[in-house]
PDB file of all heavy atoms in Angstrom:
ATOM      1  N   ILE A   1       5.657  -5.586 -21.655  1.00  0.00           N
ATOM      2  CA  ILE A   1       7.024  -6.011 -21.392  1.00  0.00           C
ATOM      3  C   ILE A   1       8.011  -5.056 -22.051  1.00  0.00           C
ATOM      4  O   ILE A   1       9.047  -4.630 -21.515  1.00  0.00           O
ATOM      5  CB  ILE A   1       7.213  -7.450 -21.921  1.00  0.00           C
ATOM      6  CG1 ILE A   1       6.450  -8.423 -21.024  1.00  0.00           C
ATOM      7  CG2 ILE A   1       8.709  -7.834 -21.903  1.00  0.00           C
ATOM      8  CD1 ILE A   1       6.399  -9.816 -21.566  1.00  0.00           C
ATOM      9  N   GLU A   2       7.604  -4.593 -23.265  1.00  0.00           N
ATOM     10  CA  GLU A   2       8.488  -3.562 -23.910  1.00  0.00           C
ATOM     11  C   GLU A   2       8.576  -2.293 -23.176  1.00  0.00           C
ATOM     12  O   GLU A   2       9.657  -1.704 -23.021  1.00  0.00           O
ATOM     13  CB  GLU A   2       7.985  -3.243 -25.323  1.00  0.00           C
ATOM     14  CG  GLU A   2       8.144  -4.415 -26.360  1.00  0.00           C
ATOM     15  CD  GLU A   2       7.518  -4.083 -27.690  1.00  0.00           C
ATOM     16  OE1 GLU A   2       6.474  -3.387 -27.692  1.00  0.00           O
ATOM     17  OE2 GLU A   2       8.076  -4.578 -28.700  1.00  0.00           O
ATOM     18  N   ALA A   3       7.434  -1.893 -22.546  1.00  0.00           N
ATOM     19  CA  ALA A   3       7.428  -0.621 -21.818  1.00  0.00           C
ATOM     20  C   ALA A   3       8.204  -0.722 -20.524  1.00  0.00           C
ATOM     21  O   ALA A   3       8.889   0.261 -20.066  1.00  0.00           O
ATOM     22  CB  ALA A   3       5.957  -0.302 -21.425  1.00  0.00           C
ATOM     23  N   LYS A   4       8.238  -1.937 -19.830  1.00  0.00           N
ATOM     24  CA  LYS A   4       8.949  -2.022 -18.576  1.00  0.00           C
ATOM     25  C   LYS A   4      10.454  -2.379 -18.735  1.00  0.00           C
ATOM     26  O   LYS A   4      11.179  -2.321 -17.792  1.00  0.00           O
ATOM     27  CB  LYS A   4       8.293  -3.078 -17.657  1.00  0.00           C
ATOM     28  CG  LYS A   4       8.496  -4.517 -18.145  1.00  0.00           C
ATOM     29  CD  LYS A   4       8.138  -5.490 -17.006  1.00  0.00           C
ATOM     30  CE  LYS A   4       8.477  -6.976 -17.371  1.00  0.00           C
ATOM     31  NZ  LYS A   4       8.436  -7.851 -16.228  1.00  0.00           N
ATOM     32  N   THR A   5      10.808  -2.724 -19.938  1.00  0.00           N
ATOM     33  CA  THR A   5      12.228  -3.108 -20.255  1.00  0.00           C
ATOM     34  C   THR A   5      12.925  -2.164 -21.191  1.00  0.00           C
ATOM     35  O   THR A   5      14.014  -2.422 -21.672  1.00  0.00           O
ATOM     36  CB  THR A   5      12.376  -4.521 -20.720  1.00  0.00           C
ATOM     37  OG1 THR A   5      11.593  -4.681 -21.980  1.00  0.00           O
ATOM     38  CG2 THR A   5      11.840  -5.538 -19.735  1.00  0.00           C
ATOM     39  N   SER A   6      12.325  -1.018 -21.504  1.00  0.00           N
ATOM     40  CA  SER A   6      12.846  -0.037 -22.417  1.00  0.00           C
ATOM     41  C   SER A   6      14.253   0.323 -22.128  1.00  0.00           C
ATOM     42  O   SER A   6      14.621   0.591 -20.950  1.00  0.00           O
ATOM     43  CB  SER A   6      11.956   1.184 -22.523  1.00  0.00           C
ATOM     44  OG  SER A   6      12.563   2.233 -23.236  1.00  0.00           O
ATOM     45  N   ASP A   7      15.131   0.483 -23.108  1.00  0.00           N
ATOM     46  CA  ASP A   7      16.460   0.994 -22.959  1.00  0.00           C
ATOM     47  C   ASP A   7      16.480   2.413 -22.453  1.00  0.00           C
ATOM     48  O   ASP A   7      17.539   2.842 -21.927  1.00  0.00           O
ATOM     49  CB  ASP A   7      17.236   0.876 -24.330  1.00  0.00           C
ATOM     50  CG  ASP A   7      17.544  -0.578 -24.666  1.00  0.00           C
ATOM     51  OD1 ASP A   7      17.504  -1.425 -23.764  1.00  0.00           O
ATOM     52  OD2 ASP A   7      17.774  -0.871 -25.818  1.00  0.00           O
ATOM     53  N   HIS A   8      15.411   3.149 -22.596  1.00  0.00           N
ATOM     54  CA  HIS A   8      15.337   4.557 -22.169  1.00  0.00           C
ATOM     55  C   HIS A   8      15.187   4.616 -20.644  1.00  0.00           C
ATOM     56  O   HIS A   8      15.464   5.706 -20.050  1.00  0.00           O
ATOM     57  CB  HIS A   8      14.231   5.275 -22.840  1.00  0.00           C
ATOM     58  CG  HIS A   8      14.482   5.513 -24.343  1.00  0.00           C
ATOM     59  ND1 HIS A   8      14.972   6.660 -24.794  1.00  0.00           N
ATOM     60  CD2 HIS A   8      14.251   4.690 -25.406  1.00  0.00           C
ATOM     61  CE1 HIS A   8      15.110   6.554 -26.131  1.00  0.00           C
ATOM     62  NE2 HIS A   8      14.684   5.430 -26.510  1.00  0.00           N
ATOM     63  N   LEU A   9      14.754   3.610 -19.938  1.00  0.00           N
ATOM     64  CA  LEU A   9      14.492   3.709 -18.559  1.00  0.00           C
ATOM     65  C   LEU A   9      15.784   3.645 -17.744  1.00  0.00           C
ATOM     66  O   LEU A   9      16.640   2.838 -18.025  1.00  0.00           O
ATOM     67  CB  LEU A   9      13.625   2.572 -18.135  1.00  0.00           C
ATOM     68  CG  LEU A   9      12.135   2.523 -18.583  1.00  0.00           C
ATOM     69  CD1 LEU A   9      11.446   1.249 -18.170  1.00  0.00           C
ATOM     70  CD2 LEU A   9      11.450   3.769 -18.145  1.00  0.00           C
ATOM     71  N   ARG A  10      15.850   4.546 -16.698  1.00  0.00           N
ATOM     72  CA  ARG A  10      16.963   4.592 -15.803  1.00  0.00           C
ATOM     73  C   ARG A  10      16.960   3.414 -14.744  1.00  0.00           C
ATOM     74  O   ARG A  10      17.983   3.108 -14.231  1.00  0.00           O
ATOM     75  CB  ARG A  10      17.148   5.941 -15.205  1.00  0.00           C
ATOM     76  CG  ARG A  10      17.344   7.131 -16.148  1.00  0.00           C
ATOM     77  CD  ARG A  10      17.813   8.335 -15.386  1.00  0.00           C
ATOM     78  NE  ARG A  10      16.940   8.727 -14.344  1.00  0.00           N
ATOM     79  CZ  ARG A  10      16.032   9.682 -14.478  1.00  0.00           C
ATOM     80  NH1 ARG A  10      15.930  10.297 -15.699  1.00  0.00           N
ATOM     81  NH2 ARG A  10      15.188  10.022 -13.513  1.00  0.00           N
ATOM     82  N   ARG A  11      15.730   3.072 -14.469  1.00  0.00           N
ATOM     83  CA  ARG A  11      15.554   2.069 -13.379  1.00  0.00           C
ATOM     84  C   ARG A  11      14.498   1.019 -13.767  1.00  0.00           C
ATOM     85  O   ARG A  11      13.683   1.254 -14.656  1.00  0.00           O
ATOM     86  CB  ARG A  11      15.086   2.780 -12.095  1.00  0.00           C
ATOM     87  CG  ARG A  11      15.959   3.867 -11.644  1.00  0.00           C
ATOM     88  CD  ARG A  11      15.322   4.754 -10.597  1.00  0.00           C
ATOM     89  NE  ARG A  11      14.949   3.978  -9.373  1.00  0.00           N
ATOM     90  CZ  ARG A  11      14.218   4.476  -8.419  1.00  0.00           C
ATOM     91  NH1 ARG A  11      13.676   5.664  -8.535  1.00  0.00           N
ATOM     92  NH2 ARG A  11      13.965   3.780  -7.290  1.00  0.00           N
ATOM     93  N   SER A  12      14.495  -0.041 -12.926  1.00  0.00           N
ATOM     94  CA  SER A  12      13.435  -1.090 -13.040  1.00  0.00           C
ATOM     95  C   SER A  12      13.041  -1.425 -11.710  1.00  0.00           C
ATOM     96  O   SER A  12      13.847  -1.796 -10.842  1.00  0.00           O
ATOM     97  CB  SER A  12      13.928  -2.303 -13.791  1.00  0.00           C
ATOM     98  OG  SER A  12      13.004  -3.337 -13.842  1.00  0.00           O
ATOM     99  N   TYR A  13      11.675  -1.271 -11.423  1.00  0.00           N
ATOM    100  CA  TYR A  13      11.115  -1.640 -10.071  1.00  0.00           C
ATOM    101  C   TYR A  13       9.667  -1.906 -10.050  1.00  0.00           C
ATOM    102  O   TYR A  13       8.924  -1.582 -11.032  1.00  0.00           O
ATOM    103  CB  TYR A  13      11.421  -0.483  -9.086  1.00  0.00           C
ATOM    104  CG  TYR A  13      10.674   0.860  -9.406  1.00  0.00           C
ATOM    105  CD1 TYR A  13       9.347   0.934  -9.087  1.00  0.00           C
ATOM    106  CD2 TYR A  13      11.345   1.884  -9.994  1.00  0.00           C
ATOM    107  CE1 TYR A  13       8.721   2.106  -9.397  1.00  0.00           C
ATOM    108  CE2 TYR A  13      10.666   3.039 -10.282  1.00  0.00           C
ATOM    109  CZ  TYR A  13       9.329   3.205 -10.029  1.00  0.00           C
ATOM    110  OH  TYR A  13       8.650   4.345 -10.321  1.00  0.00           O
ATOM    111  N   PHE A  14       9.236  -2.555  -8.992  1.00  0.00           N
ATOM    112  CA  PHE A  14       7.830  -2.685  -8.737  1.00  0.00           C
ATOM    113  C   PHE A  14       7.617  -2.160  -7.237  1.00  0.00           C
ATOM    114  O   PHE A  14       8.479  -2.436  -6.390  1.00  0.00           O
ATOM    115  CB  PHE A  14       7.275  -4.137  -8.852  1.00  0.00           C
ATOM    116  CG  PHE A  14       7.330  -4.634 -10.217  1.00  0.00           C
ATOM    117  CD1 PHE A  14       8.402  -5.550 -10.674  1.00  0.00           C
ATOM    118  CD2 PHE A  14       6.412  -4.302 -11.147  1.00  0.00           C
ATOM    119  CE1 PHE A  14       8.432  -5.978 -11.880  1.00  0.00           C
ATOM    120  CE2 PHE A  14       6.461  -4.780 -12.476  1.00  0.00           C
ATOM    121  CZ  PHE A  14       7.449  -5.648 -12.805  1.00  0.00           C
ATOM    122  N   ALA A  15       6.477  -1.499  -6.992  1.00  0.00           N
ATOM    123  CA  ALA A  15       6.301  -1.002  -5.642  1.00  0.00           C
ATOM    124  C   ALA A  15       4.768  -1.277  -5.273  1.00  0.00           C
ATOM    125  O   ALA A  15       3.903  -1.134  -6.047  1.00  0.00           O
ATOM    126  CB  ALA A  15       6.505   0.524  -5.598  1.00  0.00           C
ATOM    127  N   GLN A  16       4.624  -1.795  -4.052  1.00  0.00           N
ATOM    128  CA  GLN A  16       3.352  -2.018  -3.458  1.00  0.00           C
ATOM    129  C   GLN A  16       2.995  -0.900  -2.503  1.00  0.00           C
ATOM    130  O   GLN A  16       3.895  -0.499  -1.734  1.00  0.00           O
ATOM    131  CB  GLN A  16       3.335  -3.389  -2.785  1.00  0.00           C
ATOM    132  CG  GLN A  16       1.962  -3.733  -2.028  1.00  0.00           C
ATOM    133  CD  GLN A  16       2.103  -4.943  -1.184  1.00  0.00           C
ATOM    134  OE1 GLN A  16       3.167  -5.559  -1.057  1.00  0.00           O
ATOM    135  NE2 GLN A  16       1.035  -5.284  -0.485  1.00  0.00           N
ATOM    136  N   VAL A  17       1.806  -0.449  -2.495  1.00  0.00           N
ATOM    137  CA  VAL A  17       1.343   0.564  -1.522  1.00  0.00           C
ATOM    138  C   VAL A  17       0.627  -0.147  -0.403  1.00  0.00           C
ATOM    139  O   VAL A  17      -0.402  -0.745  -0.542  1.00  0.00           O
ATOM    140  CB  VAL A  17       0.389   1.582  -2.192  1.00  0.00           C
ATOM    141  CG1 VAL A  17      -0.073   2.574  -1.130  1.00  0.00           C
ATOM    142  CG2 VAL A  17       1.083   2.311  -3.318  1.00  0.00           C
ATOM    143  N   ILE A  18       1.283  -0.092   0.802  1.00  0.00           N
ATOM    144  CA  ILE A  18       0.687  -0.689   2.009  1.00  0.00           C
ATOM    145  C   ILE A  18       0.181   0.475   2.944  1.00  0.00           C
ATOM    146  O   ILE A  18       1.001   1.365   3.200  1.00  0.00           O
ATOM    147  CB  ILE A  18       1.691  -1.581   2.723  1.00  0.00           C
ATOM    148  CG1 ILE A  18       2.093  -2.786   1.835  1.00  0.00           C
ATOM    149  CG2 ILE A  18       1.150  -2.081   4.053  1.00  0.00           C
ATOM    150  CD1 ILE A  18       3.137  -3.674   2.446  1.00  0.00           C
ATOM    151  N   ILE A  19      -0.982   0.371   3.359  1.00  0.00           N
ATOM    152  CA  ILE A  19      -1.524   1.384   4.271  1.00  0.00           C
ATOM    153  C   ILE A  19      -1.964   0.796   5.603  1.00  0.00           C
ATOM    154  O   ILE A  19      -2.280  -0.330   5.695  1.00  0.00           O
ATOM    155  CB  ILE A  19      -2.736   2.108   3.602  1.00  0.00           C
ATOM    156  CG1 ILE A  19      -3.892   1.198   3.348  1.00  0.00           C
ATOM    157  CG2 ILE A  19      -2.296   2.852   2.362  1.00  0.00           C
ATOM    158  CD1 ILE A  19      -5.152   1.817   2.855  1.00  0.00           C
ATOM    159  N   GLN A  20      -1.903   1.672   6.624  1.00  0.00           N
ATOM    160  CA  GLN A  20      -2.459   1.373   7.937  1.00  0.00           C
ATOM    161  C   GLN A  20      -3.927   1.665   7.938  1.00  0.00           C
ATOM    162  O   GLN A  20      -4.271   2.880   7.850  1.00  0.00           O
ATOM    163  CB  GLN A  20      -1.702   2.122   9.018  1.00  0.00           C
ATOM    164  CG  GLN A  20      -2.271   1.854  10.432  1.00  0.00           C
ATOM    165  CD  GLN A  20      -1.580   2.690  11.481  1.00  0.00           C
ATOM    166  OE1 GLN A  20      -0.331   2.862  11.459  1.00  0.00           O
ATOM    167  NE2 GLN A  20      -2.286   3.263  12.459  1.00  0.00           N
ATOM    168  N   ARG A  21      -4.719   0.700   7.946  1.00  0.00           N
ATOM    169  CA  ARG A  21      -6.187   0.936   7.716  1.00  0.00           C
ATOM    170  C   ARG A  21      -6.780   1.495   8.977  1.00  0.00           C
ATOM    171  O   ARG A  21      -6.813   0.873   9.998  1.00  0.00           O
ATOM    172  CB  ARG A  21      -6.832  -0.338   7.243  1.00  0.00           C
ATOM    173  CG  ARG A  21      -6.306  -0.797   5.891  1.00  0.00           C
ATOM    174  CD  ARG A  21      -7.055  -2.060   5.389  1.00  0.00           C
ATOM    175  NE  ARG A  21      -6.412  -2.551   4.143  1.00  0.00           N
ATOM    176  CZ  ARG A  21      -6.832  -2.158   2.954  1.00  0.00           C
ATOM    177  NH1 ARG A  21      -7.791  -1.256   2.819  1.00  0.00           N
ATOM    178  NH2 ARG A  21      -6.175  -2.522   1.844  1.00  0.00           N
ATOM    179  N   MET A  22      -7.463   2.701   8.797  1.00  0.00           N
ATOM    180  CA  MET A  22      -8.231   3.298   9.858  1.00  0.00           C
ATOM    181  C   MET A  22      -9.617   2.679   9.843  1.00  0.00           C
ATOM    182  O   MET A  22     -10.369   2.750   8.880  1.00  0.00           O
ATOM    183  CB  MET A  22      -8.350   4.818   9.649  1.00  0.00           C
ATOM    184  CG  MET A  22      -6.967   5.565   9.606  1.00  0.00           C
ATOM    185  SD  MET A  22      -7.086   7.250   9.133  1.00  0.00           S
ATOM    186  CE  MET A  22      -7.977   7.954  10.489  1.00  0.00           C
ATOM    187  N   ASP A  23      -9.958   1.980  10.958  1.00  0.00           N
ATOM    188  CA  ASP A  23     -11.241   1.277  11.015  1.00  0.00           C
ATOM    189  C   ASP A  23     -12.417   2.199  11.280  1.00  0.00           C
ATOM    190  O   ASP A  23     -13.133   1.963  12.263  1.00  0.00           O
ATOM    191  CB  ASP A  23     -11.118   0.150  12.085  1.00  0.00           C
ATOM    192  CG  ASP A  23     -12.249  -0.850  11.978  1.00  0.00           C
ATOM    193  OD1 ASP A  23     -12.873  -0.879  10.885  1.00  0.00           O
ATOM    194  OD2 ASP A  23     -12.535  -1.480  12.994  1.00  0.00           O
ATOM    195  N   ILE A  24     -12.597   3.196  10.454  1.00  0.00           N
ATOM    196  CA  ILE A  24     -13.787   4.063  10.507  1.00  0.00           C
ATOM    197  C   ILE A  24     -14.154   4.339   9.038  1.00  0.00           C
ATOM    198  O   ILE A  24     -13.437   4.151   8.127  1.00  0.00           O
ATOM    199  CB  ILE A  24     -13.378   5.412  11.206  1.00  0.00           C
ATOM    200  CG1 ILE A  24     -12.194   6.146  10.444  1.00  0.00           C
ATOM    201  CG2 ILE A  24     -13.064   5.211  12.670  1.00  0.00           C
ATOM    202  CD1 ILE A  24     -11.842   7.490  11.070  1.00  0.00           C
ATOM    203  N   PRO A  25     -15.424   4.768   8.882  1.00  0.00           N
ATOM    204  CA  PRO A  25     -15.967   5.033   7.557  1.00  0.00           C
ATOM    205  C   PRO A  25     -15.101   6.136   6.795  1.00  0.00           C
ATOM    206  O   PRO A  25     -14.567   7.024   7.434  1.00  0.00           O
ATOM    207  CB  PRO A  25     -17.375   5.518   7.799  1.00  0.00           C
ATOM    208  CG  PRO A  25     -17.689   4.945   9.157  1.00  0.00           C
ATOM    209  CD  PRO A  25     -16.473   4.975   9.922  1.00  0.00           C
ATOM    210  N   GLU A  26     -15.206   6.090   5.497  1.00  0.00           N
ATOM    211  CA  GLU A  26     -14.466   7.025   4.697  1.00  0.00           C
ATOM    212  C   GLU A  26     -14.816   8.507   4.975  1.00  0.00           C
ATOM    213  O   GLU A  26     -13.941   9.356   5.085  1.00  0.00           O
ATOM    214  CB  GLU A  26     -14.717   6.750   3.195  1.00  0.00           C
ATOM    215  CG  GLU A  26     -14.081   7.724   2.217  1.00  0.00           C
ATOM    216  CD  GLU A  26     -12.531   7.639   2.137  1.00  0.00           C
ATOM    217  OE1 GLU A  26     -11.911   7.007   2.941  1.00  0.00           O
ATOM    218  OE2 GLU A  26     -12.005   8.255   1.166  1.00  0.00           O
ATOM    219  N   ASN A  27     -16.090   8.738   5.241  1.00  0.00           N
ATOM    220  CA  ASN A  27     -16.448  10.123   5.566  1.00  0.00           C
ATOM    221  C   ASN A  27     -15.833  10.661   6.798  1.00  0.00           C
ATOM    222  O   ASN A  27     -15.451  11.879   6.973  1.00  0.00           O
ATOM    223  CB  ASN A  27     -17.980  10.366   5.547  1.00  0.00           C
ATOM    224  CG  ASN A  27     -18.668   9.567   6.616  1.00  0.00           C
ATOM    225  OD1 ASN A  27     -18.082   8.639   7.154  1.00  0.00           O
ATOM    226  ND2 ASN A  27     -19.906   9.836   6.884  1.00  0.00           N
ATOM    227  N   GLU A  28     -15.544   9.778   7.812  1.00  0.00           N
ATOM    228  CA  GLU A  28     -14.932  10.217   9.028  1.00  0.00           C
ATOM    229  C   GLU A  28     -13.459  10.388   8.823  1.00  0.00           C
ATOM    230  O   GLU A  28     -12.853  11.211   9.380  1.00  0.00           O
ATOM    231  CB  GLU A  28     -15.227   9.155  10.140  1.00  0.00           C
ATOM    232  CG  GLU A  28     -16.704   9.091  10.566  1.00  0.00           C
ATOM    233  CD  GLU A  28     -16.906   8.103  11.732  1.00  0.00           C
ATOM    234  OE1 GLU A  28     -15.980   7.965  12.528  1.00  0.00           O
ATOM    235  OE2 GLU A  28     -18.016   7.532  11.798  1.00  0.00           O
ATOM    236  N   ARG A  29     -12.877   9.514   7.951  1.00  0.00           N
ATOM    237  CA  ARG A  29     -11.478   9.700   7.642  1.00  0.00           C
ATOM    238  C   ARG A  29     -11.275  11.043   6.939  1.00  0.00           C
ATOM    239  O   ARG A  29     -10.234  11.665   7.223  1.00  0.00           O
ATOM    240  CB  ARG A  29     -11.020   8.544   6.722  1.00  0.00           C
ATOM    241  CG  ARG A  29     -11.048   7.179   7.367  1.00  0.00           C
ATOM    242  CD  ARG A  29     -10.237   6.147   6.549  1.00  0.00           C
ATOM    243  NE  ARG A  29     -10.749   5.800   5.265  1.00  0.00           N
ATOM    244  CZ  ARG A  29     -11.507   4.774   5.010  1.00  0.00           C
ATOM    245  NH1 ARG A  29     -11.816   3.907   5.980  1.00  0.00           N
ATOM    246  NH2 ARG A  29     -11.971   4.553   3.809  1.00  0.00           N
ATOM    247  N   ILE A  30     -12.193  11.417   6.107  1.00  0.00           N
ATOM    248  CA  ILE A  30     -12.032  12.709   5.382  1.00  0.00           C
ATOM    249  C   ILE A  30     -11.990  13.818   6.420  1.00  0.00           C
ATOM    250  O   ILE A  30     -11.106  14.687   6.340  1.00  0.00           O
ATOM    251  CB  ILE A  30     -13.174  12.953   4.407  1.00  0.00           C
ATOM    252  CG1 ILE A  30     -13.040  11.977   3.178  1.00  0.00           C
ATOM    253  CG2 ILE A  30     -13.295  14.365   4.004  1.00  0.00           C
ATOM    254  CD1 ILE A  30     -14.238  11.948   2.277  1.00  0.00           C
ATOM    255  N   ARG A  31     -12.917  13.873   7.363  1.00  0.00           N
ATOM    256  CA  ARG A  31     -12.923  14.964   8.315  1.00  0.00           C
ATOM    257  C   ARG A  31     -11.599  15.036   9.182  1.00  0.00           C
ATOM    258  O   ARG A  31     -11.060  16.052   9.387  1.00  0.00           O
ATOM    259  CB  ARG A  31     -14.126  14.846   9.263  1.00  0.00           C
ATOM    260  CG  ARG A  31     -15.483  15.088   8.593  1.00  0.00           C
ATOM    261  CD  ARG A  31     -16.582  15.020   9.537  1.00  0.00           C
ATOM    262  NE  ARG A  31     -17.834  15.378   8.827  1.00  0.00           N
ATOM    263  CZ  ARG A  31     -18.280  16.601   8.601  1.00  0.00           C
ATOM    264  NH1 ARG A  31     -17.619  17.608   9.048  1.00  0.00           N
ATOM    265  NH2 ARG A  31     -19.397  16.782   7.965  1.00  0.00           N
ATOM    266  N   LEU A  32     -11.205  13.860   9.609  1.00  0.00           N
ATOM    267  CA  LEU A  32     -10.004  13.799  10.427  1.00  0.00           C
ATOM    268  C   LEU A  32      -8.736  14.216   9.670  1.00  0.00           C
ATOM    269  O   LEU A  32      -7.937  15.019  10.195  1.00  0.00           O
ATOM    270  CB  LEU A  32      -9.846  12.368  10.906  1.00  0.00           C
ATOM    271  CG  LEU A  32      -8.686  12.078  11.852  1.00  0.00           C
ATOM    272  CD1 LEU A  32      -8.893  12.795  13.214  1.00  0.00           C
ATOM    273  CD2 LEU A  32      -8.517  10.469  12.095  1.00  0.00           C
ATOM    274  N   LEU A  33      -8.634  13.805   8.427  1.00  0.00           N
ATOM    275  CA  LEU A  33      -7.371  14.126   7.674  1.00  0.00           C
ATOM    276  C   LEU A  33      -7.417  15.508   7.083  1.00  0.00           C
ATOM    277  O   LEU A  33      -6.363  16.112   6.937  1.00  0.00           O
ATOM    278  CB  LEU A  33      -7.167  13.044   6.526  1.00  0.00           C
ATOM    279  CG  LEU A  33      -6.956  11.641   7.028  1.00  0.00           C
ATOM    280  CD1 LEU A  33      -6.860  10.636   5.937  1.00  0.00           C
ATOM    281  CD2 LEU A  33      -5.762  11.480   7.937  1.00  0.00           C
TER     282      LEU A  33
END
């Protein structure tokens, strides 16, 4: 709580990472990307 409310911080936020899931195995995703 001290870390997220510090007076030194310029902003306060939370962010969620949402991804479009590719329905293929990880090794195939690696080759494609």
